[in-house]
Structure formats: C-alpha cells, structure tokens
Amino acid sequence: MRKVLSNLVSFILPVTVLILVPYWLTGFILIGYTLFTFLGLCISLLGLCILVITILAFIRKGKGALAPWSPTKKLVITGLHAYVRNPMILGVIICLAGEALIFVSWKILFWLILFIIINQLFFTLYEEPSLLKRFGDEYAEYKKNVKRWIPRKKPYL
C-alpha cells in the first residue's frame, strides 16, 4: 500500500506544473476553437504520453518513483531515457507548449520559460551531481553520451 501511495504522490508535481499553475494563470478560458487549439491538444497529448511513459519507467525499471523520498534504486537508461537524459521534464515542456497554444496564453508561455530555467539550474546544480554520487561511473558514461534536453537519433547502448 505504501508503495502504491508513493507512486500516486509522484504525480503531484506534474499535476501542479501542468494543471494548477496554468489554471491559476489563465482560468483555462478558451478564446475559441482554432487551429491553435487542435495543434496545442496534439502537442499536449504527446507531452503527456512522454511524461506517463517515463514515470512508469521510473517505477518499473528504476524501482523507485519521481518522489524525492522514494528515489530510483537503479539508473534508468533504457526506453526514452536512451535518447535523452530528462524525457520526463521534456514531456512536461512539450505539454506546457501545447497548453500555451490551446489557450493562446503568453502567461503559460512565460511559465514554460521559467520552468525550463528552474529545471536547468536544478539539474545542473543538484540532480546531476547527486546522480553521479549515487551511480558513479555508470551515470558519468551515460551523461557523456546522452544529452540533457536534445534527443539522440539512435538509442544509447
């Protein structure tokens, strides 16, 4: 039961970033149904799929969760992680870009830019040094071969 609860709690951060903050910024008021709405929905769905796939990979392959109190026990470098080091955050970025289009919102676009800056700082200053300590040479080799934000053409390994 505790593991299930921990896994469900893992969705608090994505729900906050993707639903609560954009709702607070815009009220989710549509200007009208346009090509932007359709394009934004397609982009957001792609981002959500990436997000869910990577969270499930953390749970299944990493034997942990997104939650900091239940970090992965294994380094996840397969699946989408074989192409880019942070597919989960990339999924959120893609989803937020879609939301900015759906609601034609400069506020969500600003939130997206702020989210990217915050994560760039977080990964550079905390997450990557922490992963290097936890996983050593395995992470160092992975980091050397797989970029943080830009996907590879071919999978790692």
Foldseek 3Di string as FASTA:
>chain_A
DVQVVQQVVLCVVLCCLQPVVVCVVQVLDAPDDDPLQVVLVVQLVQLVVLQVVVQVCCVPVQVFGNDPVTGGLDQDCDDQNQWAVCSNVLSSLSNLVSSCSNRVDPRSVVSSVVSVVVVVCCCVPPVLVVCCVNPPPVSVVSPVPHYHHGTDPDGHD
